[in-house]
C-alpha atoms as a PDB file:
ATOM      1  CA  MET A   1      41.852  63.236 -23.700  1.00  0.00           C
ATOM      2  CA  ALA A   2      41.535  59.610 -22.614  1.00  0.00           C
ATOM      3  CA  LYS A   3      39.833  57.302 -25.080  1.00  0.00           C
ATOM      4  CA  SER A   4      36.251  56.397 -24.173  1.00  0.00           C
ATOM      5  CA  SER A   5      35.532  52.824 -23.149  1.00  0.00           C
ATOM      6  CA  TYR A   6      32.162  53.024 -24.872  1.00  0.00           C
ATOM      7  CA  SER A   7      31.437  51.893 -28.429  1.00  0.00           C
ATOM      8  CA  LYS A   8      30.167  54.109 -31.240  1.00  0.00           C
ATOM      9  CA  ILE A   9      27.123  51.793 -31.147  1.00  0.00           C
ATOM     10  CA  ASP A  10      24.816  52.009 -28.126  1.00  0.00           C
ATOM     11  CA  GLU A  11      23.287  48.977 -26.403  1.00  0.00           C
ATOM     12  CA  TYR A  12      20.136  49.220 -28.539  1.00  0.00           C
ATOM     13  CA  GLY A  13      22.121  49.069 -31.778  1.00  0.00           C
ATOM     14  CA  PHE A  14      22.075  52.779 -32.696  1.00  0.00           C
ATOM     15  CA  GLU A  15      25.161  54.542 -34.022  1.00  0.00           C
ATOM     16  CA  ARG A  16      26.044  57.543 -31.889  1.00  0.00           C
ATOM     17  CA  PRO A  17      26.249  60.879 -33.767  1.00  0.00           C
ATOM     18  CA  ASP A  18      29.650  62.257 -34.780  1.00  0.00           C
ATOM     19  CA  ASN A  19      29.371  65.068 -32.230  1.00  0.00           C
ATOM     20  CA  PHE A  20      28.489  62.704 -29.365  1.00  0.00           C
ATOM     21  CA  ASN A  21      30.246  63.763 -26.159  1.00  0.00           C
ATOM     22  CA  TYR A  22      31.953  60.560 -24.963  1.00  0.00           C
ATOM     23  CA  GLU A  23      33.728  62.332 -22.122  1.00  0.00           C
ATOM     24  CA  VAL A  24      30.421  63.496 -20.650  1.00  0.00           C
ATOM     25  CA  TYR A  25      28.908  60.058 -21.280  1.00  0.00           C
ATOM     26  CA  ASP A  26      31.790  58.288 -19.497  1.00  0.00           C
ATOM     27  CA  SER A  27      31.345  60.530 -16.483  1.00  0.00           C
ATOM     28  CA  PHE A  28      27.581  60.033 -16.491  1.00  0.00           C
ATOM     29  CA  MET A  29      27.712  56.232 -16.833  1.00  0.00           C
ATOM     30  CA  SER A  30      30.186  55.837 -13.972  1.00  0.00           C
ATOM     31  CA  LYS A  31      27.481  57.322 -11.710  1.00  0.00           C
ATOM     32  CA  TYR A  32      24.405  55.968 -13.513  1.00  0.00           C
ATOM     33  CA  ILE A  33      25.398  52.313 -13.135  1.00  0.00           C
ATOM     34  CA  ARG A  34      25.300  52.794  -9.370  1.00  0.00           C
ATOM     35  CA  VAL A  35      21.942  54.525  -9.675  1.00  0.00           C
ATOM     36  CA  LEU A  36      20.556  51.605 -11.704  1.00  0.00           C
ATOM     37  CA  THR A  37      21.739  49.141  -9.060  1.00  0.00           C
ATOM     38  CA  ARG A  38      20.048  51.108  -6.278  1.00  0.00           C
ATOM     39  CA  ARG A  39      16.839  51.501  -8.266  1.00  0.00           C
ATOM     40  CA  SER A  40      16.725  47.777  -9.041  1.00  0.00           C
ATOM     41  CA  LEU A  41      16.944  47.000  -5.318  1.00  0.00           C
ATOM     42  CA  ARG A  42      14.133  49.471  -4.597  1.00  0.00           C
ATOM     43  CA  TRP A  43      11.956  47.906  -7.282  1.00  0.00           C
ATOM     44  CA  ASN A  44      12.346  44.570  -5.502  1.00  0.00           C
ATOM     45  CA  THR A  45       9.991  45.982  -2.851  1.00  0.00           C
ATOM     46  CA  ILE A  46       7.193  45.962  -5.470  1.00  0.00           C
ATOM     47  CA  LYS A  47       5.901  42.502  -6.254  1.00  0.00           C
ATOM     48  CA  GLU A  48       6.108  41.662  -9.947  1.00  0.00           C
ATOM     49  CA  GLY A  49       2.741  42.006 -11.635  1.00  0.00           C
ATOM     50  CA  HIS A  50       1.377  44.310  -8.916  1.00  0.00           C
ATOM     51  CA  TYR A  51       1.590  47.621 -10.752  1.00  0.00           C
ATOM     52  CA  THR A  52      -1.479  49.465  -9.523  1.00  0.00           C
ATOM     53  CA  LYS A  53      -1.252  53.186 -10.262  1.00  0.00           C
ATOM     54  CA  ASN A  54      -0.464  55.205  -7.133  1.00  0.00           C
ATOM     55  CA  ASN A  55       1.968  57.894  -5.993  1.00  0.00           C
ATOM     56  CA  THR A  56       4.595  55.355  -4.920  1.00  0.00           C
ATOM     57  CA  LEU A  57       4.607  53.696  -8.333  1.00  0.00           C
ATOM     58  CA  LYS A  58       4.690  57.120 -10.046  1.00  0.00           C
ATOM     59  CA  ARG A  59       7.750  58.089  -7.991  1.00  0.00           C
ATOM     60  CA  PHE A  60       9.471  54.795  -8.812  1.00  0.00           C
ATOM     61  CA  ILE A  61       8.704  55.146 -12.528  1.00  0.00           C
ATOM     62  CA  ARG A  62      10.008  58.723 -12.685  1.00  0.00           C
ATOM     63  CA  LYS A  63      13.315  57.454 -11.301  1.00  0.00           C
ATOM     64  CA  GLY A  64      13.510  54.719 -13.943  1.00  0.00           C
ATOM     65  CA  ILE A  65      12.103  51.245 -14.571  1.00  0.00           C
ATOM     66  CA  PRO A  66      14.648  48.375 -14.558  1.00  0.00           C
ATOM     67  CA  SER A  67      14.941  46.982 -18.070  1.00  0.00           C
ATOM     68  CA  ASP A  68      13.748  43.524 -16.995  1.00  0.00           C
ATOM     69  CA  ARG A  69      10.468  45.024 -15.713  1.00  0.00           C
ATOM     70  CA  ARG A  70       9.894  47.615 -18.425  1.00  0.00           C
ATOM     71  CA  VAL A  71       7.540  45.573 -20.621  1.00  0.00           C
ATOM     72  CA  ALA A  72       5.303  44.496 -17.740  1.00  0.00           C
ATOM     73  CA  VAL A  73       5.125  47.988 -16.229  1.00  0.00           C
ATOM     74  CA  TRP A  74       4.453  49.639 -19.596  1.00  0.00           C
ATOM     75  CA  MET A  75       1.695  47.147 -20.392  1.00  0.00           C
ATOM     76  CA  ALA A  76       0.051  47.560 -16.970  1.00  0.00           C
ATOM     77  CA  THR A  77       0.250  51.334 -16.524  1.00  0.00           C
ATOM     78  CA  SER A  78      -0.604  52.306 -20.125  1.00  0.00           C
ATOM     79  CA  GLY A  79      -3.792  50.242 -20.301  1.00  0.00           C
ATOM     80  CA  ALA A  80      -2.357  47.976 -23.003  1.00  0.00           C
ATOM     81  CA  ASP A  81      -2.938  44.910 -20.826  1.00  0.00           C
ATOM     82  CA  ARG A  82      -6.600  45.860 -20.441  1.00  0.00           C
ATOM     83  CA  LEU A  83      -6.945  46.456 -24.202  1.00  0.00           C
ATOM     84  CA  ARG A  84      -5.479  43.032 -24.933  1.00  0.00           C
ATOM     85  CA  ASN A  85      -7.618  41.258 -22.349  1.00  0.00           C
ATOM     86  CA  GLU A  86     -10.832  42.937 -23.472  1.00  0.00           C
ATOM     87  CA  SER A  87     -10.235  42.442 -27.193  1.00  0.00           C
ATOM     88  CA  PRO A  88     -12.433  39.742 -28.767  1.00  0.00           C
ATOM     89  CA  LEU A  89      -9.564  39.018 -31.167  1.00  0.00           C
ATOM     90  CA  THR A  90      -5.984  38.124 -30.281  1.00  0.00           C
ATOM     91  CA  TYR A  91      -3.013  39.815 -31.924  1.00  0.00           C
ATOM     92  CA  GLN A  92      -2.522  36.646 -33.997  1.00  0.00           C
ATOM     93  CA  ASP A  93      -6.168  36.814 -35.142  1.00  0.00           C
ATOM     94  CA  LEU A  94      -5.789  40.469 -36.131  1.00  0.00           C
ATOM     95  CA  ARG A  95      -2.549  39.760 -37.975  1.00  0.00           C
ATOM     96  CA  LYS A  96      -4.372  37.315 -40.248  1.00  0.00           C
ATOM     97  CA  LYS A  97      -6.641  40.135 -41.466  1.00  0.00           C
ATOM     98  CA  VAL A  98      -3.812  42.017 -43.221  1.00  0.00           C
ATOM     99  CA  ASN A  99      -4.905  42.186 -46.875  1.00  0.00           C
ATOM    100  CA  ASN A 100      -4.974  45.820 -48.069  1.00  0.00           C
ATOM    101  CA  LYS A 101      -2.404  45.951 -50.865  1.00  0.00           C
ATOM    102  CA  ALA A 102      -2.039  49.749 -50.837  1.00  0.00           C
ATOM    103  CA  LEU A 103      -1.364  49.819 -47.077  1.00  0.00           C
ATOM    104  CA  ILE A 104       1.027  46.897 -47.348  1.00  0.00           C
ATOM    105  CA  GLU A 105       3.030  48.607 -50.107  1.00  0.00           C
ATOM    106  CA  THR A 106       3.177  51.924 -48.204  1.00  0.00           C
ATOM    107  CA  ILE A 107       4.512  50.221 -45.087  1.00  0.00           C
ATOM    108  CA  GLN A 108       7.018  48.135 -47.056  1.00  0.00           C
ATOM    109  CA  ILE A 109       8.429  51.323 -48.611  1.00  0.00           C
ATOM    110  CA  ASP A 110       9.046  52.776 -45.136  1.00  0.00           C
ATOM    111  CA  LEU A 111      10.723  49.680 -43.642  1.00  0.00           C
ATOM    112  CA  PRO A 112      14.245  50.360 -45.040  1.00  0.00           C
ATOM    113  CA  ARG A 113      13.953  53.996 -43.886  1.00  0.00           C
ATOM    114  CA  THR A 114      13.357  52.944 -40.292  1.00  0.00           C
ATOM    115  CA  PHE A 115      16.532  53.304 -38.215  1.00  0.00           C
ATOM    116  CA  PRO A 116      18.953  52.746 -41.133  1.00  0.00           C
ATOM    117  CA  ASP A 117      21.851  53.305 -38.698  1.00  0.00           C
ATOM    118  CA  ASN A 118      20.689  50.568 -36.317  1.00  0.00           C
ATOM    119  CA  ILE A 119      22.714  47.365 -36.598  1.00  0.00           C
ATOM    120  CA  TYR A 120      19.838  45.173 -35.403  1.00  0.00           C
ATOM    121  CA  PHE A 121      17.515  46.405 -38.141  1.00  0.00           C
ATOM    122  CA  THR A 122      20.149  46.174 -40.866  1.00  0.00           C
ATOM    123  CA  SER A 123      21.687  42.828 -39.923  1.00  0.00           C
ATOM    124  CA  HIS A 124      18.654  40.801 -38.773  1.00  0.00           C
ATOM    125  CA  GLU A 125      15.841  39.991 -41.195  1.00  0.00           C
ATOM    126  CA  TYR A 126      13.374  39.131 -38.425  1.00  0.00           C
ATOM    127  CA  LEU A 127      13.210  42.687 -37.007  1.00  0.00           C
ATOM    128  CA  PRO A 128      12.026  44.376 -40.243  1.00  0.00           C
ATOM    129  CA  GLN A 129       9.508  41.535 -40.603  1.00  0.00           C
ATOM    130  CA  GLN A 130       8.253  42.031 -37.051  1.00  0.00           C
ATOM    131  CA  LEU A 131       8.046  45.774 -37.681  1.00  0.00           C
ATOM    132  CA  PHE A 132       5.960  45.133 -40.794  1.00  0.00           C
ATOM    133  CA  ASN A 133       3.668  42.781 -38.871  1.00  0.00           C
ATOM    134  CA  VAL A 134       3.044  45.308 -36.082  1.00  0.00           C
ATOM    135  CA  LEU A 135       2.465  48.265 -38.421  1.00  0.00           C
ATOM    136  CA  ALA A 136       0.312  46.344 -40.914  1.00  0.00           C
ATOM    137  CA  THR A 137      -1.817  44.776 -38.184  1.00  0.00           C
ATOM    138  CA  PHE A 138      -2.349  48.121 -36.485  1.00  0.00           C
ATOM    139  CA  SER A 139      -3.168  49.991 -39.700  1.00  0.00           C
ATOM    140  CA  HIS A 140      -5.707  47.363 -40.771  1.00  0.00           C
ATOM    141  CA  GLN A 141      -7.627  47.376 -37.490  1.00  0.00           C
ATOM    142  CA  ASN A 142      -7.594  51.190 -37.081  1.00  0.00           C
ATOM    143  CA  THR A 143      -9.016  52.553 -40.294  1.00  0.00           C
ATOM    144  CA  GLU A 144      -9.207  56.160 -39.007  1.00  0.00           C
ATOM    145  CA  VAL A 145      -5.428  56.331 -38.596  1.00  0.00           C
ATOM    146  CA  GLY A 146      -4.325  53.637 -41.012  1.00  0.00           C
ATOM    147  CA  TYR A 147      -0.601  54.185 -41.438  1.00  0.00           C
ATOM    148  CA  CYS A 148       1.354  57.428 -41.221  1.00  0.00           C
ATOM    149  CA  GLN A 149       5.067  58.186 -41.076  1.00  0.00           C
ATOM    150  CA  GLY A 150       6.347  58.353 -37.540  1.00  0.00           C
ATOM    151  CA  LEU A 151       4.574  55.189 -36.431  1.00  0.00           C
ATOM    152  CA  ASN A 152       7.454  53.155 -37.870  1.00  0.00           C
ATOM    153  CA  TYR A 153       9.950  54.801 -35.491  1.00  0.00           C
ATOM    154  CA  ILE A 154       7.713  54.271 -32.471  1.00  0.00           C
ATOM    155  CA  ALA A 155       6.995  50.637 -33.330  1.00  0.00           C
ATOM    156  CA  GLY A 156      10.664  50.036 -34.150  1.00  0.00           C
ATOM    157  CA  LEU A 157      11.879  51.297 -30.783  1.00  0.00           C
ATOM    158  CA  LEU A 158       9.092  49.397 -29.022  1.00  0.00           C
ATOM    159  CA  LEU A 159      10.396  46.210 -30.631  1.00  0.00           C
ATOM    160  CA  LEU A 160      13.967  46.963 -29.561  1.00  0.00           C
ATOM    161  CA  ALA A 161      12.878  47.730 -25.996  1.00  0.00           C
ATOM    162  CA  THR A 162      10.314  44.964 -25.464  1.00  0.00           C
ATOM    163  CA  LYS A 163      11.706  42.248 -27.760  1.00  0.00           C
ATOM    164  CA  SER A 164       8.067  41.253 -28.218  1.00  0.00           C
ATOM    165  CA  GLU A 165       6.016  41.697 -31.371  1.00  0.00           C
ATOM    166  CA  GLU A 166       2.719  41.238 -29.530  1.00  0.00           C
ATOM    167  CA  ALA A 167       3.551  43.677 -26.707  1.00  0.00           C
ATOM    168  CA  SER A 168       4.734  46.233 -29.267  1.00  0.00           C
ATOM    169  CA  PHE A 169       1.399  46.022 -31.091  1.00  0.00           C
ATOM    170  CA  TRP A 170      -0.726  46.583 -27.978  1.00  0.00           C
ATOM    171  CA  LEU A 171       1.537  49.396 -26.748  1.00  0.00           C
ATOM    172  CA  LEU A 172       1.374  51.099 -30.152  1.00  0.00           C
ATOM    173  CA  LYS A 173      -2.411  50.735 -30.124  1.00  0.00           C
ATOM    174  CA  VAL A 174      -2.821  52.284 -26.667  1.00  0.00           C
ATOM    175  CA  LEU A 175      -0.453  55.130 -27.549  1.00  0.00           C
ATOM    176  CA  VAL A 176      -2.206  56.102 -30.762  1.00  0.00           C
ATOM    177  CA  GLU A 177      -5.793  55.500 -29.693  1.00  0.00           C
ATOM    178  CA  GLN A 178      -5.787  56.588 -26.038  1.00  0.00           C
ATOM    179  CA  LEU A 179      -2.639  58.365 -24.843  1.00  0.00           C
ATOM    180  CA  LEU A 180      -2.124  60.532 -27.947  1.00  0.00           C
ATOM    181  CA  PRO A 181      -5.604  60.994 -29.419  1.00  0.00           C
ATOM    182  CA  LYS A 182      -5.749  62.705 -32.814  1.00  0.00           C
ATOM    183  CA  TYR A 183      -1.955  62.910 -33.171  1.00  0.00           C
ATOM    184  CA  TYR A 184      -1.897  60.498 -36.094  1.00  0.00           C
ATOM    185  CA  ILE A 185      -5.195  61.011 -37.903  1.00  0.00           C
ATOM    186  CA  PRO A 186      -4.858  62.690 -41.332  1.00  0.00           C
ATOM    187  CA  SER A 187      -5.578  66.187 -39.959  1.00  0.00           C
ATOM    188  CA  MET A 188      -3.173  65.655 -37.008  1.00  0.00           C
ATOM    189  CA  SER A 189      -5.456  67.995 -35.062  1.00  0.00           C
ATOM    190  CA  GLY A 190      -4.285  66.732 -31.664  1.00  0.00           C
ATOM    191  CA  LEU A 191      -0.644  67.314 -32.561  1.00  0.00           C
ATOM    192  CA  LEU A 192      -1.324  70.806 -33.960  1.00  0.00           C
ATOM    193  CA  THR A 193      -3.239  71.686 -30.792  1.00  0.00           C
ATOM    194  CA  ASP A 194      -0.322  70.618 -28.599  1.00  0.00           C
ATOM    195  CA  LEU A 195       2.113  72.655 -30.699  1.00  0.00           C
ATOM    196  CA  ASP A 196      -0.045  75.716 -30.014  1.00  0.00           C
ATOM    197  CA  VAL A 197      -0.169  74.777 -26.317  1.00  0.00           C
ATOM    198  CA  LEU A 198       3.640  74.561 -26.276  1.00  0.00           C
ATOM    199  CA  ASN A 199       3.814  77.999 -27.904  1.00  0.00           C
ATOM    200  CA  ALA A 200       1.510  79.414 -25.205  1.00  0.00           C
ATOM    201  CA  LEU A 201       3.473  77.811 -22.359  1.00  0.00           C
ATOM    202  CA  ILE A 202       6.834  79.069 -23.653  1.00  0.00           C
ATOM    203  CA  GLN A 203       5.369  82.547 -24.187  1.00  0.00           C
ATOM    204  CA  LYS A 204       4.223  82.579 -20.555  1.00  0.00           C
ATOM    205  CA  GLN A 205       7.351  81.012 -18.999  1.00  0.00           C
ATOM    206  CA  GLU A 206      10.087  82.383 -21.272  1.00  0.00           C
ATOM    207  CA  PRO A 207       8.790  85.575 -22.941  1.00  0.00           C
ATOM    208  CA  ILE A 208      12.248  86.779 -24.102  1.00  0.00           C
ATOM    209  CA  LEU A 209      13.019  83.392 -25.628  1.00  0.00           C
ATOM    210  CA  HIS A 210       9.583  83.217 -27.217  1.00  0.00           C
ATOM    211  CA  ARG A 211       9.995  86.685 -28.747  1.00  0.00           C
ATOM    212  CA  HIS A 212      13.426  85.742 -30.126  1.00  0.00           C
ATOM    213  CA  ILE A 213      12.059  82.617 -31.841  1.00  0.00           C
ATOM    214  CA  GLN A 214       9.114  84.638 -33.165  1.00  0.00           C
ATOM    215  CA  ASN A 215      11.384  87.393 -34.505  1.00  0.00           C
ATOM    216  CA  ILE A 216      13.557  84.879 -36.374  1.00  0.00           C
ATOM    217  CA  GLY A 217      10.367  83.422 -37.833  1.00  0.00           C
ATOM    218  CA  MET A 218      10.547  79.738 -36.965  1.00  0.00           C
ATOM    219  CA  PRO A 219       7.107  78.098 -36.757  1.00  0.00           C
ATOM    220  CA  TRP A 220       6.910  75.698 -33.797  1.00  0.00           C
ATOM    221  CA  ALA A 221       5.824  72.968 -36.200  1.00  0.00           C
ATOM    222  CA  LEU A 222       9.164  73.252 -38.034  1.00  0.00           C
ATOM    223  CA  GLY A 223      11.285  72.870 -34.907  1.00  0.00           C
ATOM    224  CA  THR A 224       9.274  70.437 -32.823  1.00  0.00           C
ATOM    225  CA  THR A 225       6.882  68.292 -34.912  1.00  0.00           C
ATOM    226  CA  LYS A 226       9.376  65.431 -35.018  1.00  0.00           C
ATOM    227  CA  TRP A 227       9.717  65.581 -31.218  1.00  0.00           C
ATOM    228  CA  PHE A 228       6.020  64.873 -30.763  1.00  0.00           C
ATOM    229  CA  ILE A 229       5.269  62.645 -33.746  1.00  0.00           C
ATOM    230  CA  CYS A 230       8.200  60.274 -33.017  1.00  0.00           C
ATOM    231  CA  LEU A 231       7.929  60.652 -29.209  1.00  0.00           C
ATOM    232  CA  TYR A 232      11.570  61.837 -29.191  1.00  0.00           C
ATOM    233  CA  SER A 233      12.929  58.673 -30.815  1.00  0.00           C
ATOM    234  CA  GLU A 234      15.616  59.681 -33.357  1.00  0.00           C
ATOM    235  CA  VAL A 235      15.785  63.008 -31.480  1.00  0.00           C
ATOM    236  CA  LEU A 236      17.342  62.135 -28.094  1.00  0.00           C
ATOM    237  CA  PRO A 237      19.720  59.404 -26.869  1.00  0.00           C
ATOM    238  CA  THR A 238      17.947  56.036 -26.660  1.00  0.00           C
ATOM    239  CA  GLU A 239      18.105  55.574 -22.891  1.00  0.00           C
ATOM    240  CA  THR A 240      16.757  59.113 -22.415  1.00  0.00           C
ATOM    241  CA  VAL A 241      13.867  58.315 -24.777  1.00  0.00           C
ATOM    242  CA  LEU A 242      13.016  55.135 -22.861  1.00  0.00           C
ATOM    243  CA  ARG A 243      13.044  57.031 -19.561  1.00  0.00           C
ATOM    244  CA  ILE A 244      10.585  59.513 -21.144  1.00  0.00           C
ATOM    245  CA  TRP A 245       8.406  56.640 -22.326  1.00  0.00           C
ATOM    246  CA  ASP A 246       8.422  55.149 -18.806  1.00  0.00           C
ATOM    247  CA  CYS A 247       6.580  58.281 -17.655  1.00  0.00           C
ATOM    248  CA  LEU A 248       4.528  58.723 -20.836  1.00  0.00           C
ATOM    249  CA  PHE A 249       2.893  55.315 -20.454  1.00  0.00           C
ATOM    250  CA  ASN A 250       2.050  56.055 -16.817  1.00  0.00           C
ATOM    251  CA  GLU A 251       1.171  59.769 -16.875  1.00  0.00           C
ATOM    252  CA  GLY A 252       0.046  60.447 -20.425  1.00  0.00           C
ATOM    253  CA  SER A 253       0.784  63.003 -23.111  1.00  0.00           C
ATOM    254  CA  LYS A 254       1.506  65.979 -20.831  1.00  0.00           C
ATOM    255  CA  VAL A 255       4.941  64.355 -20.341  1.00  0.00           C
ATOM    256  CA  LEU A 256       5.738  65.187 -23.980  1.00  0.00           C
ATOM    257  CA  LEU A 257       5.072  68.882 -23.317  1.00  0.00           C
ATOM    258  CA  ARG A 258       7.181  68.802 -20.149  1.00  0.00           C
ATOM    259  CA  VAL A 259      10.074  67.314 -22.131  1.00  0.00           C
ATOM    260  CA  ALA A 260       9.735  69.955 -24.870  1.00  0.00           C
ATOM    261  CA  ILE A 261       9.754  72.824 -22.367  1.00  0.00           C
ATOM    262  CA  THR A 262      12.752  71.293 -20.561  1.00  0.00           C
ATOM    263  CA  LEU A 263      14.729  70.937 -23.800  1.00  0.00           C
ATOM    264  CA  ILE A 264      14.028  74.550 -24.720  1.00  0.00           C
ATOM    265  CA  LYS A 265      14.962  75.846 -21.264  1.00  0.00           C
ATOM    266  CA  LEU A 266      18.208  73.824 -21.190  1.00  0.00           C
ATOM    267  CA  HIS A 267      19.157  75.301 -24.566  1.00  0.00           C
ATOM    268  CA  LYS A 268      17.962  78.824 -23.796  1.00  0.00           C
ATOM    269  CA  GLN A 269      21.353  80.490 -24.174  1.00  0.00           C
ATOM    270  CA  LYS A 270      22.173  78.681 -27.431  1.00  0.00           C
ATOM    271  CA  ILE A 271      18.777  79.586 -28.850  1.00  0.00           C
ATOM    272  CA  LEU A 272      19.246  83.252 -27.930  1.00  0.00           C
ATOM    273  CA  GLU A 273      22.654  83.248 -29.659  1.00  0.00           C
ATOM    274  CA  THR A 274      21.107  82.293 -33.016  1.00  0.00           C
ATOM    275  CA  THR A 275      20.593  85.084 -35.524  1.00  0.00           C
ATOM    276  CA  GLU A 276      18.906  83.397 -38.480  1.00  0.00           C
ATOM    277  CA  LEU A 277      16.440  80.625 -39.253  1.00  0.00           C
ATOM    278  CA  SER A 278      18.977  77.998 -40.364  1.00  0.00           C
ATOM    279  CA  GLU A 279      20.955  78.437 -37.118  1.00  0.00           C
ATOM    280  CA  LEU A 280      17.828  78.129 -35.002  1.00  0.00           C
ATOM    281  CA  ILE A 281      16.661  74.979 -36.823  1.00  0.00           C
ATOM    282  CA  ALA A 282      20.146  73.475 -36.388  1.00  0.00           C
ATOM    283  CA  CYS A 283      20.014  74.297 -32.665  1.00  0.00           C
ATOM    284  CA  PHE A 284      16.714  72.440 -32.270  1.00  0.00           C
ATOM    285  CA  ARG A 285      17.998  69.534 -34.373  1.00  0.00           C
ATOM    286  CA  ASP A 286      21.236  69.088 -32.415  1.00  0.00           C
ATOM    287  CA  MET A 287      19.844  69.072 -28.891  1.00  0.00           C
ATOM    288  CA  ARG A 288      20.740  65.412 -28.304  1.00  0.00           C
ATOM    289  CA  SER A 289      24.394  66.269 -27.614  1.00  0.00           C
ATOM    290  CA  HIS A 290      23.716  68.532 -24.613  1.00  0.00           C
ATOM    291  CA  GLU A 291      25.253  67.318 -21.339  1.00  0.00           C
ATOM    292  CA  GLY A 292      21.896  67.680 -19.587  1.00  0.00           C
ATOM    293  CA  VAL A 293      20.265  65.411 -22.183  1.00  0.00           C
ATOM    294  CA  ILE A 294      22.920  62.680 -22.113  1.00  0.00           C
ATOM    295  CA  ASP A 295      22.510  62.372 -18.331  1.00  0.00           C
ATOM    296  CA  CYS A 296      19.035  60.853 -18.586  1.00  0.00           C
ATOM    297  CA  HIS A 297      18.650  60.561 -14.808  1.00  0.00           C
ATOM    298  CA  GLN A 298      19.217  64.282 -14.223  1.00  0.00           C
ATOM    299  CA  PHE A 299      17.225  65.117 -17.338  1.00  0.00           C
ATOM    300  CA  MET A 300      14.130  63.375 -15.954  1.00  0.00           C
ATOM    301  CA  LYS A 301      14.517  65.306 -12.705  1.00  0.00           C
ATOM    302  CA  ASP A 302      14.613  68.482 -14.812  1.00  0.00           C
ATOM    303  CA  VAL A 303      11.506  67.393 -16.723  1.00  0.00           C
ATOM    304  CA  PHE A 304       9.478  67.438 -13.518  1.00  0.00           C
ATOM    305  CA  THR A 305      10.953  70.652 -12.111  1.00  0.00           C
ATOM    306  CA  LEU A 306      12.012  73.112 -14.862  1.00  0.00           C
ATOM    307  CA  PRO A 307       8.570  73.486 -16.537  1.00  0.00           C
ATOM    308  CA  GLY A 308       6.988  74.214 -13.167  1.00  0.00           C
ATOM    309  CA  SER A 309       3.594  72.902 -12.183  1.00  0.00           C
ATOM    310  CA  PHE A 310       0.757  72.557 -14.621  1.00  0.00           C
ATOM    311  CA  SER A 311      -2.110  70.249 -13.736  1.00  0.00           C
ATOM    312  CA  SER A 312      -4.039  68.019 -16.091  1.00  0.00           C
ATOM    313  CA  ASN A 313      -7.037  70.331 -15.644  1.00  0.00           C
ATOM    314  CA  SER A 314      -5.093  73.448 -16.679  1.00  0.00           C
ATOM    315  CA  LEU A 315      -3.623  71.570 -19.627  1.00  0.00           C
ATOM    316  CA  ASP A 316      -7.097  70.407 -20.690  1.00  0.00           C
ATOM    317  CA  LYS A 317      -8.292  74.019 -20.630  1.00  0.00           C
ATOM    318  CA  LEU A 318      -5.330  75.111 -22.778  1.00  0.00           C
ATOM    319  CA  ARG A 319      -6.058  72.328 -25.250  1.00  0.00           C
ATOM    320  CA  ILE A 320      -9.721  73.329 -25.487  1.00  0.00           C
ATOM    321  CA  LYS A 321      -8.681  76.952 -26.048  1.00  0.00           C
ATOM    322  CA  HIS A 322      -6.285  76.004 -28.885  1.00  0.00           C
ATOM    323  CA  GLN A 323      -8.311  73.085 -30.262  1.00  0.00           C
ATOM    324  CA  LYS A 324      -7.990  72.571 -34.005  1.00  0.00           C
END
């Protein structure tokens, strides 16, 4: 087999897993670079700063946001820009209010645990400091959520993607407070509701698969909590995660359910081959190496086709039915 031209470290500083399929990645990247070039040219038809939500913008976002536009599009479509503009206090003002010693100590304990295999976090002192600033500022101004594990991974990847401490703060705020309500409060009622919704959707769409998982005895929370709480960071390849976030910021939390259903459907045969709990957990844990996941462009097409159609209204009804 020819040696891959790609490093064991990806462009965002993450070490690729030992079972990473470089041959598949080489094949994918040879095509994806051309896709990125075409998409960049298409995005030139949208004037920078004019990111009003409409079907054209949705279609463009689903096909990928060029990296040089990602911050601006995320801020505009998520509502983070509006939050920042309407806030009586600037991010710098809020940062000065960090004074809760217990919160500060809790966050400081988690900093070294955040992406320990990322060269940018381990070799640059400023990134852990920026991560602390974002997390501490957020936790002080949102007393209902405060700080919980999982936020460090989201804020860390936001920093790597945006290269902006201030943008990362406002994006984290809009995610936790508006796009993912009640995911991160102590009861995690919003997250638990969505896990039950996922269970119901898989039972309806893949009854044989659902019965197999049920017979082995794996609670959905065991296999998928990390998917939702970390928004797939540390679960899927970085570029795939960012493509998911492109759509999450524009379309909201139902994207997370679409991704979960797609992952399960892509791994249907492997799941059905498992015979015990440890095998099934390992199958869910190792999904990042699947060819269909590495090809983030095809994966996002799958995300909006494989789960079928479910409207926001039908999803709202399911959430009310399973509300915690």
